[in-house]
């Protein structure tokens, strides 16, 4: 079955808004809330809430630089869900950020499709 066109996409995505905000900060530590909001497709207020939550859980560290905040991602921390807790968030951030920079480049670490169940 062929993928649907952009106009017929379902209202959900595989990554959460938290993951999208984290990716934006990973790619640009100086990104402003007003820059992140349209990229993620959420309001500035929602970005502020997500940044506070990510900082509160230790996934982001905030440093005040003049009148602005500079964030750094603690990529060595694990995913929160028990199914992925064994993996560091750096894996996702590195993969997605690399694909954004080189969208046409095939994935070197791509695994063949599994045809049998474990």
Protein backbone atom coordinates (compact mmCIF):
# COMPACT_ATOMS: atom_id res chain seq x y z
CA UNK A 1 0.00 0.00 0.00
CA UNK A 2 1.40 3.41 -0.95
CA UNK A 3 1.84 6.10 1.73
CA UNK A 4 -0.85 8.77 1.87
CA UNK A 5 -0.19 12.25 0.54
CA UNK A 6 0.63 15.00 3.06
CA UNK A 7 -2.93 16.35 2.92
CA UNK A 8 -4.36 12.95 3.92
CA UNK A 9 -1.98 12.24 6.82
CA UNK A 10 -3.55 11.06 10.07
CA UNK A 11 -3.64 13.52 13.00
CA UNK A 12 -0.93 11.62 14.93
CA UNK A 13 2.83 11.30 14.56
CA UNK A 14 5.38 8.80 15.82
CA UNK A 15 7.25 11.38 17.89
CA UNK A 16 5.68 13.46 20.65
CA UNK A 17 5.83 17.24 20.89
CA UNK A 18 8.35 16.72 23.72
CA UNK A 19 10.61 14.82 21.31
CA UNK A 20 10.21 17.50 18.65
CA UNK A 21 11.09 20.31 21.08
CA UNK A 22 14.07 18.30 22.35
CA UNK A 23 15.26 17.80 18.76
CA UNK A 24 15.00 21.53 18.04
CA UNK A 25 17.10 22.33 21.11
CA UNK A 26 19.58 19.55 20.23
CA UNK A 27 20.09 21.12 16.82
CA UNK A 28 20.21 24.72 18.06
CA UNK A 29 20.85 25.45 21.75
CA UNK A 30 20.13 29.13 21.09
CA UNK A 31 16.74 28.48 19.50
CA UNK A 32 14.07 30.80 20.85
CA UNK A 33 10.60 29.69 21.87
CA UNK A 34 9.22 31.72 18.96
CA UNK A 35 11.48 29.77 16.58
CA UNK A 36 10.61 26.34 17.99
CA UNK A 37 6.82 26.78 18.09
CA UNK A 38 6.17 26.95 14.32
CA UNK A 39 8.64 24.15 13.60
CA UNK A 40 6.82 21.82 15.99
CA UNK A 41 3.38 23.19 15.12
CA UNK A 42 2.39 24.19 18.65
CA UNK A 43 1.95 27.45 20.52
CA UNK A 44 4.77 29.33 22.22
CA UNK A 45 3.08 28.68 25.55
CA UNK A 46 3.13 24.92 24.86
CA UNK A 47 6.85 25.12 24.00
CA UNK A 48 7.51 26.93 27.29
CA UNK A 49 5.61 24.25 29.21
CA UNK A 50 7.51 21.44 27.47
CA UNK A 51 10.87 23.15 28.09
CA UNK A 52 9.99 23.46 31.81
CA UNK A 53 8.97 19.79 31.96
CA UNK A 54 12.11 18.60 30.17
CA UNK A 55 14.25 20.75 32.45
CA UNK A 56 12.36 19.54 35.52
CA UNK A 57 13.05 15.91 34.60
CA UNK A 58 16.73 16.67 33.96
CA UNK A 59 16.71 16.19 30.18
CA UNK A 60 17.58 19.86 29.63
CA UNK A 61 19.88 22.22 31.47
CA UNK A 62 19.13 25.93 31.20
CA UNK A 63 21.72 28.67 31.34
CA UNK A 64 20.80 32.33 31.36
CA UNK A 65 22.81 34.31 28.79
CA UNK A 66 21.88 37.97 28.97
CA UNK A 67 18.14 38.17 28.43
CA UNK A 68 17.92 34.75 26.78
CA UNK A 69 18.05 31.14 27.81
CA UNK A 70 20.51 28.66 26.36
CA UNK A 71 19.61 25.02 26.72
CA UNK A 72 21.79 21.94 26.62
CA UNK A 73 20.40 18.45 26.17
CA UNK A 74 21.52 15.71 28.55
CA UNK A 75 21.62 13.09 25.80
CA UNK A 76 23.18 10.44 28.05
CA UNK A 77 19.89 10.01 29.91
CA UNK A 78 17.63 7.07 29.07
CA UNK A 79 14.20 7.13 27.49
CA UNK A 80 11.41 7.30 30.07
CA UNK A 81 9.21 4.44 28.86
CA UNK A 82 10.10 0.98 30.24
CA UNK A 83 10.26 -0.51 26.72
CA UNK A 84 13.04 1.90 25.70
CA UNK A 85 14.63 2.61 29.09
CA UNK A 86 17.71 0.58 28.11
CA UNK A 87 18.57 3.13 25.40
CA UNK A 88 19.94 6.67 25.71
CA UNK A 89 18.03 9.52 24.06
CA UNK A 90 21.20 10.36 22.12
CA UNK A 91 20.35 7.47 19.80
CA UNK A 92 17.11 9.10 18.65
CA UNK A 93 18.49 12.63 18.57
CA UNK A 94 21.53 11.65 16.54
CA UNK A 95 19.52 9.57 14.08
CA UNK A 96 16.82 12.14 13.40
CA UNK A 97 19.17 15.14 13.33
CA UNK A 98 21.48 13.35 10.86
CA UNK A 99 18.52 12.54 8.62
CA UNK A 100 17.41 16.19 8.68
CA UNK A 101 20.87 17.29 7.53
CA UNK A 102 21.16 14.56 4.85
CA UNK A 103 17.61 13.60 3.85
CA UNK A 104 18.62 11.74 0.67
CA UNK A 105 21.37 9.68 2.26
CA UNK A 106 20.36 6.07 2.93
CA UNK A 107 20.76 4.90 6.52
CA UNK A 108 23.98 2.97 7.04
CA UNK A 109 22.70 1.37 10.20
CA UNK A 110 19.38 0.31 8.72
CA UNK A 111 18.46 -3.24 9.66
CA UNK A 112 16.71 -5.67 7.33
CA UNK A 113 13.03 -6.20 8.01
CA UNK A 114 12.27 -8.94 10.49
CA UNK A 115 10.31 -11.77 9.00
CA UNK A 116 9.97 -14.00 12.03
CA UNK A 117 8.89 -13.40 15.58
CA UNK A 118 11.24 -13.97 18.49
